Amino acid sequence: MSVSLDIFNEDLTKQTEGTEIYPLSGEDIFFKVPRVGGFEYNKQIKRIIKDIYGIYHDPENIDMDLVNATWLGENVTHFGGISNAKTGKALKFSRDNCRAIFNNKGYHQSLCRILMNKASNFEIYLTQEGREAIEELKKP
């Protein structure tokens, strides 16, 4: 049986503009996250490390949870289904609100890690043809 290479064909727009990632199954909360990995992502991470720790830093003392949270705060392109914990009102997307969410250290090892892990999975960034090719593979 031959397999179509479309199963690896990622949508380049989704890679840069993000795709909706739902951290909880069955819930409406989503974050539109660009693709983790690749040239642009690596440049952004290096810049964030330099901004936080300076040019000369000990690689063993870099808090990657903080770096990833900072990256999410700067690069998530939209979110929805989130309410303000204090007021209960819907939280609208803005860069400031996005930064505030990911600056909360209580989310660094939960929400941030879930989003980073899911954003590194090529399957959610596939083209329609790629998704169809994977569905074909699943058929008995």
N, C-alpha and C. Protein backbone atom coordinates (compact mmCIF):
# COMPACT_ATOMS: atom_id res chain seq x y z
N MET A 1 0.86 -1.19 0.00
CA MET A 1 0.00 0.00 0.00
C MET A 1 0.89 1.23 0.00
N SER A 2 0.64 2.14 -0.92
CA SER A 2 1.40 3.39 -0.94
C SER A 2 0.64 4.45 -0.15
N VAL A 3 1.38 5.40 0.36
CA VAL A 3 0.81 6.45 1.20
C VAL A 3 1.10 7.80 0.56
N SER A 4 0.09 8.63 0.50
CA SER A 4 0.25 9.97 -0.06
C SER A 4 1.09 10.83 0.87
N LEU A 5 2.04 11.55 0.29
CA LEU A 5 2.86 12.46 1.09
C LEU A 5 2.06 13.66 1.60
N ASP A 6 0.80 13.80 1.15
CA ASP A 6 -0.06 14.86 1.68
C ASP A 6 -0.24 14.76 3.19
N ILE A 7 0.01 13.57 3.74
CA ILE A 7 -0.15 13.43 5.19
C ILE A 7 0.83 14.31 5.95
N PHE A 8 1.83 14.85 5.27
CA PHE A 8 2.81 15.74 5.90
C PHE A 8 2.70 17.18 5.40
N ASN A 9 1.70 17.48 4.56
CA ASN A 9 1.59 18.79 3.93
C ASN A 9 0.94 19.79 4.88
N GLU A 10 1.77 20.64 5.49
CA GLU A 10 1.26 21.63 6.43
C GLU A 10 0.83 22.90 5.71
N ASP A 11 -0.21 23.51 6.24
CA ASP A 11 -0.71 24.79 5.74
C ASP A 11 0.22 25.89 6.25
N LEU A 12 0.93 26.54 5.35
CA LEU A 12 1.93 27.54 5.73
C LEU A 12 1.29 28.75 6.41
N THR A 13 0.05 29.06 6.05
CA THR A 13 -0.65 30.17 6.71
C THR A 13 -0.91 29.84 8.18
N LYS A 14 -1.35 28.60 8.43
CA LYS A 14 -1.59 28.18 9.82
C LYS A 14 -0.29 28.19 10.62
N GLN A 15 0.82 27.85 9.97
CA GLN A 15 2.10 27.84 10.68
C GLN A 15 2.44 29.22 11.22
N THR A 16 2.16 30.27 10.45
CA THR A 16 2.53 31.62 10.88
C THR A 16 1.41 32.36 11.59
N GLU A 17 0.17 32.18 11.14
CA GLU A 17 -0.95 32.90 11.74
C GLU A 17 -1.61 32.15 12.87
N GLY A 18 -1.29 30.86 12.97
CA GLY A 18 -1.82 30.05 14.06
C GLY A 18 -3.03 29.24 13.65
N THR A 19 -3.28 28.22 14.43
CA THR A 19 -4.47 27.40 14.29
C THR A 19 -5.08 27.28 15.68
N GLU A 20 -6.38 27.08 15.73
CA GLU A 20 -7.05 27.02 17.03
C GLU A 20 -6.67 25.74 17.77
N ILE A 21 -6.19 25.93 18.98
CA ILE A 21 -5.84 24.81 19.85
C ILE A 21 -6.77 24.87 21.06
N TYR A 22 -7.41 23.75 21.33
CA TYR A 22 -8.33 23.64 22.46
C TYR A 22 -7.63 22.85 23.56
N PRO A 23 -7.21 23.53 24.64
CA PRO A 23 -6.46 22.83 25.69
C PRO A 23 -7.30 21.83 26.48
N LEU A 24 -8.62 22.01 26.49
CA LEU A 24 -9.51 21.09 27.20
C LEU A 24 -10.45 20.45 26.20
N SER A 25 -10.60 19.16 26.26
CA SER A 25 -11.54 18.52 25.34
C SER A 25 -12.96 18.80 25.80
N GLY A 26 -13.82 19.13 24.83
CA GLY A 26 -15.22 19.38 25.14
C GLY A 26 -15.52 20.78 25.64
N GLU A 27 -14.54 21.66 25.64
CA GLU A 27 -14.76 23.03 26.11
C GLU A 27 -14.59 24.00 24.94
N ASP A 28 -15.11 25.20 25.10
CA ASP A 28 -15.04 26.21 24.03
C ASP A 28 -13.76 27.04 24.08
N ILE A 29 -12.98 26.94 25.12
CA ILE A 29 -11.78 27.75 25.25
C ILE A 29 -10.76 27.34 24.19
N PHE A 30 -10.23 28.35 23.47
CA PHE A 30 -9.21 28.06 22.45
C PHE A 30 -8.19 29.19 22.40
N PHE A 31 -7.03 28.84 21.90
CA PHE A 31 -5.95 29.79 21.64
C PHE A 31 -5.46 29.52 20.22
N LYS A 32 -5.31 30.56 19.44
CA LYS A 32 -4.80 30.41 18.07
C LYS A 32 -3.29 30.58 18.14
N VAL A 33 -2.57 29.45 17.96
CA VAL A 33 -1.14 29.41 18.22
C VAL A 33 -0.37 29.09 16.93
N PRO A 34 0.65 29.91 16.60
CA PRO A 34 1.52 29.57 15.48
C PRO A 34 2.27 28.27 15.75
N ARG A 35 2.85 27.71 14.71
CA ARG A 35 3.57 26.44 14.79
C ARG A 35 4.84 26.59 15.62
N VAL A 36 5.03 25.65 16.53
CA VAL A 36 6.26 25.58 17.32
C VAL A 36 7.28 24.78 16.52
N GLY A 37 8.48 25.31 16.44
CA GLY A 37 9.54 24.66 15.67
C GLY A 37 9.79 25.46 14.40
N GLY A 38 10.89 25.20 13.78
CA GLY A 38 11.22 25.89 12.54
C GLY A 38 12.06 27.13 12.75
N PHE A 39 12.48 27.69 11.66
CA PHE A 39 13.43 28.80 11.65
C PHE A 39 12.92 30.02 12.41
N GLU A 40 11.73 30.50 12.05
CA GLU A 40 11.20 31.73 12.66
C GLU A 40 10.98 31.55 14.17
N TYR A 41 10.41 30.42 14.55
CA TYR A 41 10.19 30.13 15.96
C TYR A 41 11.52 30.13 16.72
N ASN A 42 12.53 29.48 16.17
CA ASN A 42 13.84 29.41 16.85
C ASN A 42 14.45 30.80 17.00
N LYS A 43 14.31 31.65 15.99
CA LYS A 43 14.80 33.03 16.09
C LYS A 43 14.07 33.77 17.21
N GLN A 44 12.76 33.58 17.29
CA GLN A 44 11.98 34.26 18.32
C GLN A 44 12.39 33.81 19.71
N ILE A 45 12.60 32.51 19.89
CA ILE A 45 13.01 31.99 21.20
C ILE A 45 14.38 32.54 21.59
N LYS A 46 15.32 32.56 20.66
CA LYS A 46 16.66 33.11 20.94
C LYS A 46 16.57 34.57 21.33
N ARG A 47 15.71 35.34 20.65
CA ARG A 47 15.54 36.76 20.98
C ARG A 47 14.96 36.93 22.39
N ILE A 48 13.99 36.11 22.72
CA ILE A 48 13.37 36.19 24.05
C ILE A 48 14.40 35.87 25.13
N ILE A 49 15.20 34.83 24.92
CA ILE A 49 16.24 34.47 25.90
C ILE A 49 17.22 35.62 26.05
N LYS A 50 17.62 36.22 24.95
CA LYS A 50 18.55 37.36 25.00
C LYS A 50 17.92 38.54 25.74
N ASP A 51 16.63 38.81 25.47
CA ASP A 51 15.94 39.93 26.13
C ASP A 51 15.81 39.70 27.63
N ILE A 52 15.54 38.46 28.04
CA ILE A 52 15.35 38.17 29.47
C ILE A 52 16.69 38.03 30.20
N TYR A 53 17.64 37.32 29.59
CA TYR A 53 18.87 36.94 30.29
C TYR A 53 20.12 37.68 29.82
N GLY A 54 20.01 38.45 28.76
CA GLY A 54 21.16 39.18 28.24
C GLY A 54 21.99 38.32 27.30
N ILE A 55 23.01 38.96 26.74
CA ILE A 55 23.87 38.27 25.77
C ILE A 55 24.65 37.15 26.43
N TYR A 56 25.20 37.43 27.60
CA TYR A 56 26.01 36.42 28.30
C TYR A 56 25.17 35.80 29.41
N HIS A 57 24.82 34.56 29.22
CA HIS A 57 23.98 33.88 30.21
C HIS A 57 24.41 32.42 30.31
N ASP A 58 24.10 31.83 31.43
CA ASP A 58 24.40 30.42 31.65
C ASP A 58 23.21 29.61 31.13
N PRO A 59 23.40 28.81 30.09
CA PRO A 59 22.29 28.04 29.52
C PRO A 59 21.58 27.15 30.53
N GLU A 60 22.28 26.74 31.57
CA GLU A 60 21.67 25.88 32.59
C GLU A 60 20.69 26.64 33.47
N ASN A 61 20.76 27.96 33.46
CA ASN A 61 19.90 28.77 34.33
C ASN A 61 18.77 29.46 33.57
N ILE A 62 18.44 28.95 32.40
CA ILE A 62 17.33 29.52 31.63
C ILE A 62 16.04 28.79 32.00
N ASP A 63 15.06 29.55 32.42
CA ASP A 63 13.75 29.00 32.76
C ASP A 63 12.92 28.93 31.48
N MET A 64 12.91 27.75 30.85
CA MET A 64 12.20 27.60 29.58
C MET A 64 10.68 27.75 29.74
N ASP A 65 10.16 27.51 30.93
CA ASP A 65 8.74 27.76 31.15
C ASP A 65 8.44 29.25 30.98
N LEU A 66 9.32 30.10 31.53
CA LEU A 66 9.18 31.55 31.38
C LEU A 66 9.36 31.96 29.92
N VAL A 67 10.35 31.40 29.26
CA VAL A 67 10.61 31.72 27.85
C VAL A 67 9.41 31.33 26.99
N ASN A 68 8.87 30.13 27.19
CA ASN A 68 7.72 29.69 26.41
C ASN A 68 6.48 30.53 26.70
N ALA A 69 6.28 30.89 27.95
CA ALA A 69 5.14 31.73 28.31
C ALA A 69 5.26 33.11 27.65
N THR A 70 6.47 33.63 27.63
CA THR A 70 6.71 34.92 26.97
C THR A 70 6.42 34.80 25.48
N TRP A 71 6.88 33.71 24.87
CA TRP A 71 6.63 33.49 23.43
C TRP A 71 5.13 33.43 23.16
N LEU A 72 4.39 32.68 23.98
CA LEU A 72 2.94 32.59 23.80
C LEU A 72 2.29 33.97 23.93
N GLY A 73 2.71 34.73 24.94
CA GLY A 73 2.14 36.06 25.15
C GLY A 73 2.35 36.99 23.98
N GLU A 74 3.44 36.81 23.26
CA GLU A 74 3.76 37.66 22.13
C GLU A 74 3.26 37.12 20.79
N ASN A 75 2.97 35.82 20.71
CA ASN A 75 2.69 35.22 19.41
C ASN A 75 1.32 34.59 19.23
N VAL A 76 0.58 34.31 20.31
CA VAL A 76 -0.79 33.82 20.14
C VAL A 76 -1.55 34.91 19.39
N THR A 77 -2.26 34.52 18.34
CA THR A 77 -2.91 35.51 17.48
C THR A 77 -4.38 35.75 17.79
N HIS A 78 -4.96 34.90 18.64
CA HIS A 78 -6.35 35.10 19.04
C HIS A 78 -6.68 34.11 20.15
N PHE A 79 -7.69 34.37 20.91
CA PHE A 79 -8.22 33.39 21.86
C PHE A 79 -9.70 33.64 22.04
N GLY A 80 -10.41 32.67 22.61
CA GLY A 80 -11.83 32.82 22.83
C GLY A 80 -12.33 31.84 23.86
N GLY A 81 -13.53 32.11 24.35
CA GLY A 81 -14.14 31.24 25.34
C GLY A 81 -13.58 31.41 26.73
N ILE A 82 -12.89 32.52 26.98
CA ILE A 82 -12.24 32.75 28.27
C ILE A 82 -12.98 33.84 29.02
N SER A 83 -13.19 33.62 30.31
CA SER A 83 -13.80 34.67 31.12
C SER A 83 -12.80 35.16 32.16
N ASN A 84 -12.95 36.40 32.53
CA ASN A 84 -12.12 37.01 33.56
C ASN A 84 -12.44 36.33 34.89
N ALA A 85 -11.43 35.81 35.56
CA ALA A 85 -11.64 35.07 36.81
C ALA A 85 -12.26 35.95 37.90
N LYS A 86 -11.99 37.24 37.88
CA LYS A 86 -12.51 38.14 38.92
C LYS A 86 -13.92 38.64 38.62
N THR A 87 -14.19 38.94 37.34
CA THR A 87 -15.48 39.54 37.00
C THR A 87 -16.46 38.55 36.39
N GLY A 88 -15.95 37.44 35.83
CA GLY A 88 -16.81 36.48 35.16
C GLY A 88 -17.20 36.90 33.74
N LYS A 89 -16.78 38.10 33.33
CA LYS A 89 -17.11 38.60 31.99
C LYS A 89 -16.13 38.01 30.97
N ALA A 90 -16.62 37.91 29.73
CA ALA A 90 -15.79 37.39 28.65
C ALA A 90 -14.56 38.27 28.48
N LEU A 91 -13.42 37.64 28.33
CA LEU A 91 -12.16 38.35 28.14
C LEU A 91 -11.92 38.49 26.64
N LYS A 92 -11.78 39.72 26.19
CA LYS A 92 -11.57 39.96 24.77
C LYS A 92 -10.08 39.85 24.44
N PHE A 93 -9.81 39.42 23.21
CA PHE A 93 -8.42 39.29 22.79
C PHE A 93 -7.79 40.67 22.62
N SER A 94 -6.65 40.83 23.22
CA SER A 94 -5.76 41.96 22.98
C SER A 94 -4.37 41.46 23.33
N ARG A 95 -3.37 42.13 22.82
CA ARG A 95 -2.00 41.72 23.14
C ARG A 95 -1.76 41.84 24.65
N ASP A 96 -2.27 42.90 25.27
CA ASP A 96 -2.09 43.07 26.72
C ASP A 96 -2.76 41.95 27.50
N ASN A 97 -3.98 41.58 27.12
CA ASN A 97 -4.67 40.47 27.80
C ASN A 97 -3.93 39.16 27.58
N CYS A 98 -3.42 38.98 26.36
CA CYS A 98 -2.67 37.77 26.05
C CYS A 98 -1.42 37.67 26.92
N ARG A 99 -0.68 38.77 27.01
CA ARG A 99 0.52 38.79 27.86
C ARG A 99 0.16 38.51 29.31
N ALA A 100 -0.93 39.11 29.78
CA ALA A 100 -1.34 38.93 31.18
C ALA A 100 -1.66 37.47 31.48
N ILE A 101 -2.33 36.81 30.55
CA ILE A 101 -2.66 35.38 30.75
C ILE A 101 -1.38 34.59 30.93
N PHE A 102 -0.45 34.75 30.00
CA PHE A 102 0.74 33.90 30.00
C PHE A 102 1.82 34.36 30.99
N ASN A 103 1.69 35.56 31.52
CA ASN A 103 2.60 36.01 32.58
C ASN A 103 2.24 35.41 33.93
N ASN A 104 1.05 34.82 34.03
CA ASN A 104 0.62 34.19 35.28
C ASN A 104 1.43 32.90 35.47
N LYS A 105 2.32 32.88 36.45
CA LYS A 105 3.21 31.73 36.66
C LYS A 105 2.44 30.46 36.97
N GLY A 106 1.22 30.59 37.45
CA GLY A 106 0.40 29.41 37.74
C GLY A 106 0.01 28.64 36.49
N TYR A 107 0.13 29.28 35.32
CA TYR A 107 -0.20 28.63 34.06
C TYR A 107 1.02 28.06 33.34
N HIS A 108 2.22 28.38 33.81
CA HIS A 108 3.44 28.01 33.08
C HIS A 108 3.61 26.51 32.89
N GLN A 109 3.27 25.72 33.89
CA GLN A 109 3.48 24.27 33.77
C GLN A 109 2.20 23.52 33.41
N SER A 110 1.12 24.25 33.20
CA SER A 110 -0.13 23.58 32.79
C SER A 110 -0.56 24.11 31.42
N LEU A 111 -1.24 25.22 31.39
CA LEU A 111 -1.76 25.76 30.14
C LEU A 111 -0.65 25.98 29.11
N CYS A 112 0.44 26.60 29.52
CA CYS A 112 1.53 26.88 28.57
C CYS A 112 2.11 25.60 27.99
N ARG A 113 2.33 24.62 28.82
CA ARG A 113 2.90 23.35 28.33
C ARG A 113 1.92 22.62 27.40
N ILE A 114 0.64 22.66 27.74
CA ILE A 114 -0.35 22.03 26.87
C ILE A 114 -0.32 22.68 25.49
N LEU A 115 -0.33 24.02 25.46
CA LEU A 115 -0.34 24.73 24.18
C LEU A 115 0.95 24.49 23.40
N MET A 116 2.09 24.53 24.07
CA MET A 116 3.36 24.32 23.38
C MET A 116 3.44 22.89 22.82
N ASN A 117 2.99 21.92 23.59
CA ASN A 117 3.01 20.53 23.11
C ASN A 117 2.10 20.35 21.90
N LYS A 118 0.89 20.88 21.99
CA LYS A 118 -0.05 20.73 20.88
C LYS A 118 0.42 21.51 19.65
N ALA A 119 1.08 22.66 19.87
CA ALA A 119 1.56 23.49 18.76
C ALA A 119 2.77 22.87 18.07
N SER A 120 3.34 21.84 18.66
CA SER A 120 4.45 21.15 18.01
C SER A 120 3.98 19.92 17.24
N ASN A 121 2.69 19.63 17.26
CA ASN A 121 2.11 18.48 16.56
C ASN A 121 1.71 18.90 15.15
N PHE A 122 2.40 18.35 14.16
CA PHE A 122 2.16 18.75 12.78
C PHE A 122 0.72 18.51 12.32
N GLU A 123 0.04 17.54 12.90
CA GLU A 123 -1.29 17.17 12.41
C GLU A 123 -2.31 18.30 12.49
N ILE A 124 -2.18 19.18 13.46
CA ILE A 124 -3.18 20.25 13.57
C ILE A 124 -2.91 21.41 12.61
N TYR A 125 -1.76 21.36 11.92
CA TYR A 125 -1.41 22.40 10.96
C TYR A 125 -1.53 21.92 9.52
N LEU A 126 -2.07 20.73 9.31
CA LEU A 126 -2.15 20.15 7.97
C LEU A 126 -3.13 20.89 7.07
N THR A 127 -2.88 20.79 5.77
CA THR A 127 -3.84 21.27 4.78
C THR A 127 -5.05 20.33 4.82
N GLN A 128 -6.11 20.73 4.14
CA GLN A 128 -7.29 19.87 4.04
C GLN A 128 -6.92 18.54 3.41
N GLU A 129 -6.07 18.58 2.38
CA GLU A 129 -5.64 17.35 1.71
C GLU A 129 -4.87 16.46 2.68
N GLY A 130 -4.07 17.07 3.53
CA GLY A 130 -3.32 16.30 4.51
C GLY A 130 -4.23 15.60 5.51
N ARG A 131 -5.25 16.33 5.97
CA ARG A 131 -6.20 15.72 6.91
C ARG A 131 -6.95 14.57 6.25
N GLU A 132 -7.32 14.77 4.98
CA GLU A 132 -8.03 13.71 4.25
C GLU A 132 -7.13 12.49 4.05
N ALA A 133 -5.84 12.72 3.79
CA ALA A 133 -4.91 11.61 3.60
C ALA A 133 -4.77 10.81 4.89
N ILE A 134 -4.75 11.48 6.02
CA ILE A 134 -4.67 10.76 7.31
C ILE A 134 -5.93 9.96 7.56
N GLU A 135 -7.08 10.53 7.23
CA GLU A 135 -8.35 9.79 7.39
C GLU A 135 -8.36 8.55 6.53
N GLU A 136 -7.79 8.64 5.34
CA GLU A 136 -7.72 7.46 4.46
C GLU A 136 -6.87 6.37 5.10
N LEU A 137 -5.80 6.74 5.76
CA LEU A 137 -4.93 5.76 6.43
C LEU A 137 -5.65 5.04 7.56
N LYS A 138 -6.59 5.71 8.18
CA LYS A 138 -7.29 5.14 9.34
C LYS A 138 -8.37 4.14 8.92
N LYS A 139 -8.76 4.19 7.66
CA LYS A 139 -9.81 3.27 7.19
C LYS A 139 -9.26 1.84 7.15
N PRO A 140 -10.12 0.88 7.54
CA PRO A 140 -9.66 -0.53 7.55
C PRO A 140 -9.47 -1.07 6.14
